[in-house]
Amino acid sequence: MAEHDSDREDREPDEKGVPLDEEAAWAAIVAGYGAEPADPPGARPFKSIEDLALPEPVPDEDDDTEAQQPAKPLGSSVSFAPGVGPRDYTAPEPSEDDFDEDDEGHFVPPEPPPLPAADATAKFAWLGVVGGPILLLLAVLLGWDMTWWLATLGIGGFLGGFVTLVTRMKTDDDEDGDPGRGAVV
């Protein structure tokens, strides 16, 4: 408790014997309720949205504080000319002079191997997985009657294609003869 009191001693007024008149403080707060506070010194009046693009008003000759401030340019954001912005920078192309005898040059990755050719079963499985929900969504959006064959084709195509793709997935168990051998160096 003594620590809290010691912190407050430097903030309290010099006259310790003068009590705070709470009634007068509350009366001042209630009297000022709803009144707009005075603007701080040097504040400018509020400008409406229509007047924001207009230049600042010319100060009176009597007011010396406004005349001493330099005129600001219109707008406050930084603008760049076309082709000069921070994201328009391009790195120069490397030349052979950039490399010394230890460098091997610019790395060019080899061409990736072509994708494996899909057989007819995989193509029909993907057609069912993607086409089944699209068929059902199209039937709902166009207001078609949800007949038994339309629901069977949409739901059955999705489930059949999904099961076909899952069962045809390759596993790595074929290459691994004994999975309990641990790390192989």
Protein backbone atom coordinates (compact mmCIF):
# COMPACT_ATOMS: atom_id res chain seq x y z
CA MET A 1 0.00 0.00 0.00
CA ALA A 2 2.89 2.32 0.72
CA GLU A 3 4.15 1.92 -2.85
CA HIS A 4 0.89 3.22 -4.30
CA ASP A 5 0.86 6.22 -2.00
CA SER A 6 4.46 7.10 -2.85
CA ASP A 7 3.65 7.16 -6.57
CA ARG A 8 0.81 9.61 -6.03
CA GLU A 9 2.74 12.09 -3.92
CA ASP A 10 4.47 13.76 -6.88
CA ARG A 11 1.19 14.16 -8.75
CA GLU A 12 -0.83 15.71 -5.96
CA PRO A 13 -0.96 19.48 -5.55
CA ASP A 14 1.39 21.24 -3.17
CA GLU A 15 -1.46 22.20 -0.87
CA LYS A 16 -2.32 18.92 0.81
CA GLY A 17 -4.86 20.40 3.17
CA VAL A 18 -7.24 21.73 0.47
CA PRO A 19 -10.08 19.23 -0.16
CA LEU A 20 -11.44 18.70 -3.67
CA ASP A 21 -14.87 20.22 -4.13
CA GLU A 22 -16.65 17.34 -5.82
CA GLU A 23 -19.98 19.14 -6.00
CA ALA A 24 -18.43 22.00 -7.96
CA ALA A 25 -16.58 19.58 -10.28
CA TRP A 26 -19.80 17.67 -11.02
CA ALA A 27 -21.67 20.92 -11.57
CA ALA A 28 -19.06 22.02 -14.14
CA ILE A 29 -19.32 18.67 -15.93
CA VAL A 30 -23.13 18.81 -16.05
CA ALA A 31 -23.09 22.44 -17.21
CA GLY A 32 -20.78 21.58 -20.08
CA TYR A 33 -22.68 18.45 -21.15
CA GLY A 34 -23.66 18.62 -24.82
CA ALA A 35 -21.55 21.68 -25.54
CA GLU A 36 -18.86 21.34 -28.17
CA PRO A 37 -15.38 21.83 -26.73
CA ALA A 38 -13.27 24.70 -27.97
CA ASP A 39 -10.86 23.96 -30.82
CA PRO A 40 -7.21 23.66 -29.82
CA PRO A 41 -4.92 26.49 -30.89
CA GLY A 42 -3.87 26.29 -34.54
CA ALA A 43 -6.74 24.00 -35.56
CA ARG A 44 -8.52 24.63 -38.85
CA PRO A 45 -12.29 24.32 -39.28
CA PHE A 46 -13.73 21.09 -40.69
CA LYS A 47 -14.04 20.91 -44.48
CA SER A 48 -16.89 19.04 -46.13
CA ILE A 49 -16.19 16.25 -48.60
CA GLU A 50 -17.03 18.49 -51.55
CA ASP A 51 -14.41 21.04 -50.48
CA LEU A 52 -11.52 18.64 -49.88
CA ALA A 53 -10.10 19.03 -53.39
CA LEU A 54 -10.16 22.82 -53.21
CA PRO A 55 -6.96 24.68 -52.29
CA GLU A 56 -6.53 26.10 -48.81
CA PRO A 57 -8.24 29.47 -48.22
CA VAL A 58 -6.07 32.58 -48.35
CA PRO A 59 -5.36 33.78 -44.79
CA ASP A 60 -6.24 37.28 -43.68
CA GLU A 61 -3.55 39.96 -43.59
CA ASP A 62 -4.20 40.43 -39.86
CA ASP A 63 -3.33 36.83 -38.91
CA ASP A 64 0.46 36.36 -38.85
CA THR A 65 0.45 32.68 -37.82
CA GLU A 66 -1.20 31.47 -41.02
CA ALA A 67 1.00 33.67 -43.23
CA GLN A 68 4.22 32.17 -41.85
CA GLN A 69 3.33 28.61 -42.87
CA PRO A 70 4.35 27.58 -46.41
CA ALA A 71 1.62 26.59 -48.84
CA LYS A 72 1.09 22.84 -49.15
CA PRO A 73 0.69 21.18 -52.54
CA LEU A 74 -2.78 19.95 -53.42
CA GLY A 75 -3.22 16.34 -52.19
CA SER A 76 -1.12 14.44 -49.72
CA SER A 77 -0.37 11.07 -51.30
CA VAL A 78 2.84 10.22 -53.11
CA SER A 79 2.31 9.76 -56.81
CA PHE A 80 4.65 8.33 -59.40
CA ALA A 81 4.80 8.91 -63.10
CA PRO A 82 3.88 5.89 -65.24
CA GLY A 83 6.76 3.43 -65.34
CA VAL A 84 8.59 4.98 -62.38
CA GLY A 85 6.85 3.33 -59.41
CA PRO A 86 8.52 1.01 -56.92
CA ARG A 87 7.02 -2.10 -58.53
CA ASP A 88 8.19 -1.21 -62.04
CA TYR A 89 11.80 -2.14 -61.32
CA THR A 90 13.23 -4.94 -63.43
CA ALA A 91 16.56 -6.60 -62.74
CA PRO A 92 19.13 -6.34 -65.52
CA GLU A 93 19.78 -9.46 -67.55
CA PRO A 94 22.91 -11.33 -66.42
CA SER A 95 25.82 -11.31 -68.81
CA GLU A 96 28.88 -13.52 -69.04
CA ASP A 97 30.98 -10.76 -67.46
CA ASP A 98 29.00 -11.11 -64.21
CA PHE A 99 30.48 -14.55 -63.51
CA ASP A 100 34.03 -15.36 -62.52
CA GLU A 101 35.84 -18.67 -63.18
CA ASP A 102 34.26 -20.36 -60.12
CA ASP A 103 30.69 -19.72 -61.26
CA GLU A 104 29.04 -22.23 -63.54
CA GLY A 105 26.60 -19.76 -65.05
CA HIS A 106 22.86 -19.41 -64.85
CA PHE A 107 20.97 -22.58 -63.83
CA VAL A 108 18.47 -23.78 -66.41
CA PRO A 109 16.31 -26.61 -65.07
CA PRO A 110 15.76 -29.60 -67.33
CA GLU A 111 12.43 -30.11 -69.03
CA PRO A 112 10.01 -31.96 -66.76
CA PRO A 113 8.95 -35.41 -67.86
CA PRO A 114 5.63 -35.56 -69.68
CA LEU A 115 2.54 -36.48 -67.74
CA PRO A 116 1.56 -40.13 -67.99
CA ALA A 117 -1.16 -40.90 -70.50
CA ALA A 118 -4.50 -41.54 -68.81
CA ASP A 119 -6.33 -44.70 -69.74
CA ALA A 120 -10.06 -44.82 -70.49
CA THR A 121 -10.96 -46.05 -67.00
CA ALA A 122 -9.28 -43.06 -65.31
CA LYS A 123 -10.92 -40.65 -67.76
CA PHE A 124 -14.40 -42.02 -67.05
CA ALA A 125 -13.70 -42.01 -63.30
CA TRP A 126 -12.76 -38.31 -63.41
CA LEU A 127 -15.81 -37.62 -65.59
CA GLY A 128 -18.02 -39.20 -62.90
CA VAL A 129 -16.32 -37.39 -59.99
CA VAL A 130 -16.56 -33.98 -61.64
CA GLY A 131 -19.56 -34.46 -63.91
CA GLY A 132 -21.95 -35.98 -61.34
CA PRO A 133 -22.12 -32.93 -59.04
CA ILE A 134 -22.16 -30.57 -62.03
CA LEU A 135 -25.14 -32.46 -63.48
CA LEU A 136 -27.03 -32.22 -60.19
CA LEU A 137 -26.20 -28.52 -59.78
CA LEU A 138 -27.29 -27.84 -63.34
CA ALA A 139 -30.59 -29.67 -62.73
CA VAL A 140 -31.29 -27.55 -59.63
CA LEU A 141 -30.35 -24.25 -61.30
CA LEU A 142 -32.40 -24.91 -64.44
CA GLY A 143 -35.39 -26.27 -62.52
CA TRP A 144 -35.42 -29.75 -64.04
CA ASP A 145 -37.52 -32.44 -62.38
CA MET A 146 -35.27 -34.55 -60.17
CA THR A 147 -36.14 -37.93 -61.67
CA TRP A 148 -34.71 -41.21 -60.43
CA TRP A 149 -32.35 -41.61 -63.39
CA LEU A 150 -30.97 -38.05 -62.99
CA ALA A 151 -30.26 -38.58 -59.28
CA THR A 152 -28.77 -42.03 -59.93
CA LEU A 153 -26.55 -40.71 -62.69
CA GLY A 154 -25.30 -37.75 -60.61
CA ILE A 155 -24.81 -39.48 -57.26
CA GLY A 156 -23.80 -42.84 -58.73
CA GLY A 157 -21.35 -41.24 -61.15
CA PHE A 158 -19.66 -39.36 -58.30
CA LEU A 159 -19.47 -42.35 -55.96
CA GLY A 160 -18.40 -44.77 -58.71
CA GLY A 161 -15.70 -42.43 -60.01
CA PHE A 162 -14.42 -41.75 -56.50
CA VAL A 163 -14.21 -45.42 -55.59
CA THR A 164 -12.48 -46.21 -58.91
CA LEU A 165 -9.85 -43.50 -58.40
CA VAL A 166 -9.17 -44.55 -54.81
CA THR A 167 -8.77 -48.24 -55.64
CA ARG A 168 -6.42 -47.47 -58.54
CA MET A 169 -4.08 -45.33 -56.44
CA LYS A 170 -0.52 -46.60 -56.38
CA THR A 171 0.94 -47.60 -53.05
CA ASP A 172 4.61 -47.71 -52.13
CA ASP A 173 4.20 -51.08 -50.36
CA ASP A 174 5.09 -52.96 -53.56
CA GLU A 175 8.65 -51.61 -53.57
CA ASP A 176 9.18 -52.06 -49.84
CA GLY A 177 9.69 -55.76 -49.13
CA ASP A 178 10.22 -55.50 -45.37
CA PRO A 179 8.82 -52.32 -43.77
CA GLY A 180 10.40 -53.10 -40.37
CA ARG A 181 14.02 -52.77 -41.49
CA GLY A 182 14.38 -49.15 -40.42
CA ALA A 183 16.43 -46.58 -42.31
CA VAL A 184 18.33 -47.85 -45.33
CA VAL A 185 21.56 -46.09 -46.16
